[in-house]
Amino acid sequence: MALLTVTQVAKQAGVRSSTLRYYESIGLLPEPTRVSGRRRYEPDVLQRLEIIHTAQQAGFTLAELRVLFDDVLGSSAPAARWHELVQRKQRELNLLLLNVTSMKALLEDIMRCDDAELADCIYWTGQKHKNEVMRFE
Protein backbone atom coordinates (compact mmCIF):
# COMPACT_ATOMS: atom_id res chain seq x y z
CA MET A 1 0.00 0.00 0.00
CA ALA A 2 1.23 3.52 -0.78
CA LEU A 3 2.69 5.80 1.84
CA LEU A 4 0.53 8.71 2.94
CA THR A 5 1.47 12.38 3.14
CA VAL A 6 0.99 14.47 6.28
CA THR A 7 -1.96 16.18 4.63
CA GLN A 8 -3.61 12.88 3.71
CA VAL A 9 -3.19 11.45 7.21
CA ALA A 10 -4.38 14.65 8.89
CA LYS A 11 -7.45 14.83 6.65
CA GLN A 12 -8.39 11.15 7.05
CA ALA A 13 -7.82 11.19 10.81
CA GLY A 14 -9.52 14.53 11.33
CA VAL A 15 -6.54 16.16 13.05
CA ARG A 16 -4.17 18.97 12.20
CA SER A 17 -0.77 18.23 10.74
CA SER A 18 0.73 19.98 13.78
CA THR A 19 -0.97 17.34 15.94
CA LEU A 20 0.79 14.61 13.97
CA ARG A 21 4.14 16.32 14.48
CA TYR A 22 3.41 16.75 18.19
CA TYR A 23 2.42 13.10 18.59
CA GLU A 24 5.68 12.15 16.88
CA SER A 25 7.70 14.39 19.20
CA ILE A 26 6.23 12.76 22.33
CA GLY A 27 6.50 9.23 20.97
CA LEU A 28 2.84 8.43 20.30
CA LEU A 29 3.48 8.06 16.58
CA PRO A 30 6.51 6.37 15.09
CA GLU A 31 9.00 8.47 13.18
CA PRO A 32 7.70 8.56 9.61
CA THR A 33 9.74 7.71 6.56
CA ARG A 34 11.14 10.69 4.66
CA VAL A 35 10.83 11.00 0.90
CA SER A 36 12.66 14.01 -0.51
CA GLY A 37 12.68 15.43 3.03
CA ARG A 38 8.90 15.12 3.46
CA ARG A 39 7.12 12.90 5.95
CA ARG A 40 5.45 9.79 4.59
CA TYR A 41 3.34 7.58 6.83
CA GLU A 42 2.48 3.92 6.67
CA PRO A 43 -1.32 3.45 6.34
CA ASP A 44 -1.46 1.70 9.75
CA VAL A 45 -0.82 5.08 11.39
CA LEU A 46 -4.53 5.76 10.85
CA GLN A 47 -5.44 2.87 13.17
CA ARG A 48 -3.02 4.18 15.78
CA LEU A 49 -4.58 7.66 15.54
CA GLU A 50 -8.03 6.13 15.97
CA ILE A 51 -6.82 4.29 19.08
CA ILE A 52 -5.50 7.61 20.42
CA HIS A 53 -8.83 9.29 19.72
CA THR A 54 -10.84 6.50 21.36
CA ALA A 55 -8.62 6.44 24.44
CA GLN A 56 -8.83 10.23 24.78
CA GLN A 57 -12.63 10.01 24.61
CA ALA A 58 -12.42 7.55 27.53
CA GLY A 59 -10.37 10.09 29.51
CA PHE A 60 -6.88 8.72 29.03
CA THR A 61 -4.06 11.27 29.04
CA LEU A 62 -1.28 11.36 26.46
CA ALA A 63 1.10 10.02 29.12
CA GLU A 64 -1.24 7.08 29.71
CA LEU A 65 -1.34 6.49 25.97
CA ARG A 66 2.45 6.25 25.96
CA VAL A 67 2.11 3.48 28.55
CA LEU A 68 -0.46 1.78 26.33
CA PHE A 69 1.75 1.88 23.24
CA ASP A 70 5.13 1.36 24.92
CA ASP A 71 4.31 -1.11 27.69
CA VAL A 72 0.89 -2.68 27.19
CA LEU A 73 0.63 -3.47 23.48
CA GLY A 74 4.16 -4.82 23.38
CA SER A 75 3.82 -7.01 26.47
CA SER A 76 3.28 -10.76 26.55
CA ALA A 77 -0.17 -10.29 28.13
CA PRO A 78 -1.52 -7.05 26.68
CA ALA A 79 -5.17 -7.65 27.61
CA ALA A 80 -4.36 -8.09 31.31
CA ARG A 81 -2.19 -4.94 31.35
CA TRP A 82 -4.90 -3.04 29.45
CA HIS A 83 -7.54 -4.12 31.96
CA GLU A 84 -5.33 -2.79 34.78
CA LEU A 85 -5.12 0.58 33.04
CA VAL A 86 -8.87 0.65 32.40
CA GLN A 87 -9.69 -0.24 36.01
CA ARG A 88 -7.38 2.51 37.26
CA LYS A 89 -9.08 4.99 34.92
CA GLN A 90 -12.51 3.85 36.11
CA ARG A 91 -11.52 4.47 39.75
CA GLU A 92 -10.19 7.90 38.80
CA LEU A 93 -13.41 8.77 36.94
CA ASN A 94 -15.60 7.49 39.79
CA LEU A 95 -13.78 9.80 42.20
CA LEU A 96 -14.12 12.67 39.73
CA LEU A 97 -17.83 11.97 39.39
CA LEU A 98 -18.21 11.95 43.17
CA ASN A 99 -16.43 15.32 43.37
CA VAL A 100 -18.56 16.83 40.60
CA THR A 101 -21.73 15.57 42.28
CA SER A 102 -20.59 17.14 45.55
CA MET A 103 -19.80 20.47 43.83
CA LYS A 104 -23.21 20.45 42.16
CA ALA A 105 -24.96 19.84 45.50
CA LEU A 106 -22.95 22.68 47.07
CA LEU A 107 -23.97 25.07 44.31
CA GLU A 108 -27.60 24.03 44.62
CA ASP A 109 -27.51 24.70 48.39
CA ILE A 110 -25.73 28.04 47.95
CA MET A 111 -28.43 29.13 45.52
CA ARG A 112 -30.82 29.09 48.49
CA CYS A 113 -28.83 31.84 50.22
CA ASP A 114 -30.49 35.26 50.19
CA ASP A 115 -29.22 38.83 50.34
CA ALA A 116 -29.78 39.37 54.05
CA GLU A 117 -27.29 36.75 55.27
CA LEU A 118 -25.40 35.92 52.07
CA ALA A 119 -21.86 35.75 53.48
CA ASP A 120 -22.89 33.74 56.55
CA CYS A 121 -25.04 31.42 54.43
CA ILE A 122 -22.22 30.74 51.98
CA TYR A 123 -19.82 30.13 54.88
CA TRP A 124 -22.07 27.70 56.79
CA THR A 125 -23.18 25.91 53.65
CA GLY A 126 -19.53 25.48 52.71
CA GLN A 127 -18.74 24.11 56.19
CA LYS A 128 -21.57 21.61 55.91
CA HIS A 129 -20.34 20.40 52.52
CA LYS A 130 -16.72 20.35 53.62
CA ASN A 131 -17.64 17.89 56.37
CA GLU A 132 -19.63 15.80 53.89
CA VAL A 133 -16.70 15.63 51.46
CA MET A 134 -14.34 14.57 54.27
CA ARG A 135 -16.57 11.54 54.92
CA PHE A 136 -15.91 10.34 51.34
CA GLU A 137 -12.13 10.67 51.46
C-alpha atoms as a PDB file:
ATOM      1  CA  MET A   1       0.000   0.000   0.000  1.00  0.00           C
ATOM      2  CA  ALA A   2       1.229   3.518  -0.783  1.00  0.00           C
ATOM      3  CA  LEU A   3       2.690   5.796   1.837  1.00  0.00           C
ATOM      4  CA  LEU A   4       0.531   8.715   2.945  1.00  0.00           C
ATOM      5  CA  THR A   5       1.472  12.380   3.139  1.00  0.00           C
ATOM      6  CA  VAL A   6       0.995  14.469   6.283  1.00  0.00           C
ATOM      7  CA  THR A   7      -1.961  16.176   4.633  1.00  0.00           C
ATOM      8  CA  GLN A   8      -3.612  12.880   3.715  1.00  0.00           C
ATOM      9  CA  VAL A   9      -3.195  11.452   7.206  1.00  0.00           C
ATOM     10  CA  ALA A  10      -4.384  14.648   8.890  1.00  0.00           C
ATOM     11  CA  LYS A  11      -7.454  14.828   6.654  1.00  0.00           C
ATOM     12  CA  GLN A  12      -8.395  11.150   7.046  1.00  0.00           C
ATOM     13  CA  ALA A  13      -7.818  11.189  10.814  1.00  0.00           C
ATOM     14  CA  GLY A  14      -9.524  14.534  11.333  1.00  0.00           C
ATOM     15  CA  VAL A  15      -6.543  16.157  13.048  1.00  0.00           C
ATOM     16  CA  ARG A  16      -4.171  18.969  12.196  1.00  0.00           C
ATOM     17  CA  SER A  17      -0.773  18.232  10.743  1.00  0.00           C
ATOM     18  CA  SER A  18       0.733  19.982  13.778  1.00  0.00           C
ATOM     19  CA  THR A  19      -0.974  17.337  15.940  1.00  0.00           C
ATOM     20  CA  LEU A  20       0.792  14.609  13.974  1.00  0.00           C
ATOM     21  CA  ARG A  21       4.136  16.325  14.483  1.00  0.00           C
ATOM     22  CA  TYR A  22       3.405  16.750  18.194  1.00  0.00           C
ATOM     23  CA  TYR A  23       2.424  13.097  18.588  1.00  0.00           C
ATOM     24  CA  GLU A  24       5.682  12.152  16.880  1.00  0.00           C
ATOM     25  CA  SER A  25       7.697  14.394  19.197  1.00  0.00           C
ATOM     26  CA  ILE A  26       6.226  12.762  22.328  1.00  0.00           C
ATOM     27  CA  GLY A  27       6.504   9.227  20.965  1.00  0.00           C
ATOM     28  CA  LEU A  28       2.842   8.433  20.304  1.00  0.00           C
ATOM     29  CA  LEU A  29       3.484   8.064  16.581  1.00  0.00           C
ATOM     30  CA  PRO A  30       6.509   6.372  15.086  1.00  0.00           C
ATOM     31  CA  GLU A  31       9.000   8.470  13.183  1.00  0.00           C
ATOM     32  CA  PRO A  32       7.702   8.560   9.607  1.00  0.00           C
ATOM     33  CA  THR A  33       9.737   7.713   6.558  1.00  0.00           C
ATOM     34  CA  ARG A  34      11.141  10.685   4.657  1.00  0.00           C
ATOM     35  CA  VAL A  35      10.834  11.002   0.898  1.00  0.00           C
ATOM     36  CA  SER A  36      12.658  14.013  -0.507  1.00  0.00           C
ATOM     37  CA  GLY A  37      12.677  15.429   3.028  1.00  0.00           C
ATOM     38  CA  ARG A  38       8.895  15.124   3.462  1.00  0.00           C
ATOM     39  CA  ARG A  39       7.119  12.904   5.952  1.00  0.00           C
ATOM     40  CA  ARG A  40       5.450   9.790   4.587  1.00  0.00           C
ATOM     41  CA  TYR A  41       3.344   7.577   6.831  1.00  0.00           C
ATOM     42  CA  GLU A  42       2.480   3.918   6.671  1.00  0.00           C
ATOM     43  CA  PRO A  43      -1.322   3.448   6.345  1.00  0.00           C
ATOM     44  CA  ASP A  44      -1.458   1.702   9.753  1.00  0.00           C
ATOM     45  CA  VAL A  45      -0.816   5.077  11.386  1.00  0.00           C
ATOM     46  CA  LEU A  46      -4.527   5.755  10.851  1.00  0.00           C
ATOM     47  CA  GLN A  47      -5.443   2.869  13.171  1.00  0.00           C
ATOM     48  CA  ARG A  48      -3.019   4.182  15.779  1.00  0.00           C
ATOM     49  CA  LEU A  49      -4.578   7.659  15.543  1.00  0.00           C
ATOM     50  CA  GLU A  50      -8.027   6.135  15.974  1.00  0.00           C
ATOM     51  CA  ILE A  51      -6.824   4.292  19.081  1.00  0.00           C
ATOM     52  CA  ILE A  52      -5.496   7.605  20.422  1.00  0.00           C
ATOM     53  CA  HIS A  53      -8.826   9.287  19.720  1.00  0.00           C
ATOM     54  CA  THR A  54     -10.842   6.498  21.357  1.00  0.00           C
ATOM     55  CA  ALA A  55      -8.619   6.435  24.441  1.00  0.00           C
ATOM     56  CA  GLN A  56      -8.832  10.226  24.779  1.00  0.00           C
ATOM     57  CA  GLN A  57     -12.629  10.008  24.610  1.00  0.00           C
ATOM     58  CA  ALA A  58     -12.417   7.550  27.527  1.00  0.00           C
ATOM     59  CA  GLY A  59     -10.373  10.087  29.506  1.00  0.00           C
ATOM     60  CA  PHE A  60      -6.877   8.722  29.029  1.00  0.00           C
ATOM     61  CA  THR A  61      -4.058  11.269  29.035  1.00  0.00           C
ATOM     62  CA  LEU A  62      -1.279  11.362  26.462  1.00  0.00           C
ATOM     63  CA  ALA A  63       1.102  10.019  29.118  1.00  0.00           C
ATOM     64  CA  GLU A  64      -1.242   7.076  29.710  1.00  0.00           C
ATOM     65  CA  LEU A  65      -1.345   6.495  25.967  1.00  0.00           C
ATOM     66  CA  ARG A  66       2.453   6.253  25.960  1.00  0.00           C
ATOM     67  CA  VAL A  67       2.108   3.485  28.552  1.00  0.00           C
ATOM     68  CA  LEU A  68      -0.462   1.784  26.330  1.00  0.00           C
ATOM     69  CA  PHE A  69       1.751   1.882  23.240  1.00  0.00           C
ATOM     70  CA  ASP A  70       5.131   1.363  24.921  1.00  0.00           C
ATOM     71  CA  ASP A  71       4.315  -1.105  27.688  1.00  0.00           C
ATOM     72  CA  VAL A  72       0.894  -2.680  27.186  1.00  0.00           C
ATOM     73  CA  LEU A  73       0.631  -3.473  23.483  1.00  0.00           C
ATOM     74  CA  GLY A  74       4.163  -4.822  23.381  1.00  0.00           C
ATOM     75  CA  SER A  75       3.818  -7.011  26.471  1.00  0.00           C
ATOM     76  CA  SER A  76       3.284 -10.761  26.545  1.00  0.00           C
ATOM     77  CA  ALA A  77      -0.171 -10.294  28.128  1.00  0.00           C
ATOM     78  CA  PRO A  78      -1.518  -7.050  26.681  1.00  0.00           C
ATOM     79  CA  ALA A  79      -5.172  -7.645  27.614  1.00  0.00           C
ATOM     80  CA  ALA A  80      -4.356  -8.087  31.313  1.00  0.00           C
ATOM     81  CA  ARG A  81      -2.194  -4.944  31.355  1.00  0.00           C
ATOM     82  CA  TRP A  82      -4.900  -3.036  29.453  1.00  0.00           C
ATOM     83  CA  HIS A  83      -7.539  -4.117  31.964  1.00  0.00           C
ATOM     84  CA  GLU A  84      -5.331  -2.788  34.782  1.00  0.00           C
ATOM     85  CA  LEU A  85      -5.121   0.583  33.039  1.00  0.00           C
ATOM     86  CA  VAL A  86      -8.870   0.646  32.398  1.00  0.00           C
ATOM     87  CA  GLN A  87      -9.695  -0.237  36.008  1.00  0.00           C
ATOM     88  CA  ARG A  88      -7.380   2.511  37.263  1.00  0.00           C
ATOM     89  CA  LYS A  89      -9.077   4.992  34.915  1.00  0.00           C
ATOM     90  CA  GLN A  90     -12.511   3.848  36.108  1.00  0.00           C
ATOM     91  CA  ARG A  91     -11.519   4.466  39.749  1.00  0.00           C
ATOM     92  CA  GLU A  92     -10.193   7.896  38.804  1.00  0.00           C
ATOM     93  CA  LEU A  93     -13.410   8.772  36.943  1.00  0.00           C
ATOM     94  CA  ASN A  94     -15.600   7.494  39.794  1.00  0.00           C
ATOM     95  CA  LEU A  95     -13.777   9.799  42.200  1.00  0.00           C
ATOM     96  CA  LEU A  96     -14.121  12.673  39.735  1.00  0.00           C
ATOM     97  CA  LEU A  97     -17.828  11.965  39.387  1.00  0.00           C
ATOM     98  CA  LEU A  98     -18.210  11.954  43.173  1.00  0.00           C
ATOM     99  CA  ASN A  99     -16.429  15.318  43.373  1.00  0.00           C
ATOM    100  CA  VAL A 100     -18.556  16.828  40.599  1.00  0.00           C
ATOM    101  CA  THR A 101     -21.728  15.573  42.284  1.00  0.00           C
ATOM    102  CA  SER A 102     -20.590  17.145  45.549  1.00  0.00           C
ATOM    103  CA  MET A 103     -19.802  20.466  43.825  1.00  0.00           C
ATOM    104  CA  LYS A 104     -23.214  20.452  42.164  1.00  0.00           C
ATOM    105  CA  ALA A 105     -24.959  19.842  45.495  1.00  0.00           C
ATOM    106  CA  LEU A 106     -22.954  22.678  47.074  1.00  0.00           C
ATOM    107  CA  LEU A 107     -23.974  25.068  44.308  1.00  0.00           C
ATOM    108  CA  GLU A 108     -27.602  24.030  44.622  1.00  0.00           C
ATOM    109  CA  ASP A 109     -27.508  24.699  48.387  1.00  0.00           C
ATOM    110  CA  ILE A 110     -25.725  28.041  47.952  1.00  0.00           C
ATOM    111  CA  MET A 111     -28.435  29.129  45.515  1.00  0.00           C
ATOM    112  CA  ARG A 112     -30.824  29.094  48.489  1.00  0.00           C
ATOM    113  CA  CYS A 113     -28.828  31.844  50.218  1.00  0.00           C
ATOM    114  CA  ASP A 114     -30.494  35.259  50.187  1.00  0.00           C
ATOM    115  CA  ASP A 115     -29.218  38.831  50.343  1.00  0.00           C
ATOM    116  CA  ALA A 116     -29.781  39.367  54.054  1.00  0.00           C
ATOM    117  CA  GLU A 117     -27.295  36.748  55.269  1.00  0.00           C
ATOM    118  CA  LEU A 118     -25.399  35.917  52.070  1.00  0.00           C
ATOM    119  CA  ALA A 119     -21.855  35.752  53.481  1.00  0.00           C
ATOM    120  CA  ASP A 120     -22.892  33.736  56.546  1.00  0.00           C
ATOM    121  CA  CYS A 121     -25.044  31.424  54.431  1.00  0.00           C
ATOM    122  CA  ILE A 122     -22.217  30.741  51.983  1.00  0.00           C
ATOM    123  CA  TYR A 123     -19.817  30.128  54.879  1.00  0.00           C
ATOM    124  CA  TRP A 124     -22.071  27.703  56.789  1.00  0.00           C
ATOM    125  CA  THR A 125     -23.181  25.909  53.649  1.00  0.00           C
ATOM    126  CA  GLY A 126     -19.526  25.482  52.713  1.00  0.00           C
ATOM    127  CA  GLN A 127     -18.737  24.106  56.188  1.00  0.00           C
ATOM    128  CA  LYS A 128     -21.569  21.607  55.906  1.00  0.00           C
ATOM    129  CA  HIS A 129     -20.341  20.398  52.521  1.00  0.00           C
ATOM    130  CA  LYS A 130     -16.716  20.352  53.620  1.00  0.00           C
ATOM    131  CA  ASN A 131     -17.643  17.891  56.366  1.00  0.00           C
ATOM    132  CA  GLU A 132     -19.630  15.797  53.891  1.00  0.00           C
ATOM    133  CA  VAL A 133     -16.698  15.630  51.464  1.00  0.00           C
ATOM    134  CA  MET A 134     -14.338  14.565  54.268  1.00  0.00           C
ATOM    135  CA  ARG A 135     -16.572  11.535  54.921  1.00  0.00           C
ATOM    136  CA  PHE A 136     -15.914  10.336  51.343  1.00  0.00           C
ATOM    137  CA  GLU A 137     -12.134  10.665  51.457  1.00  0.00           C
END
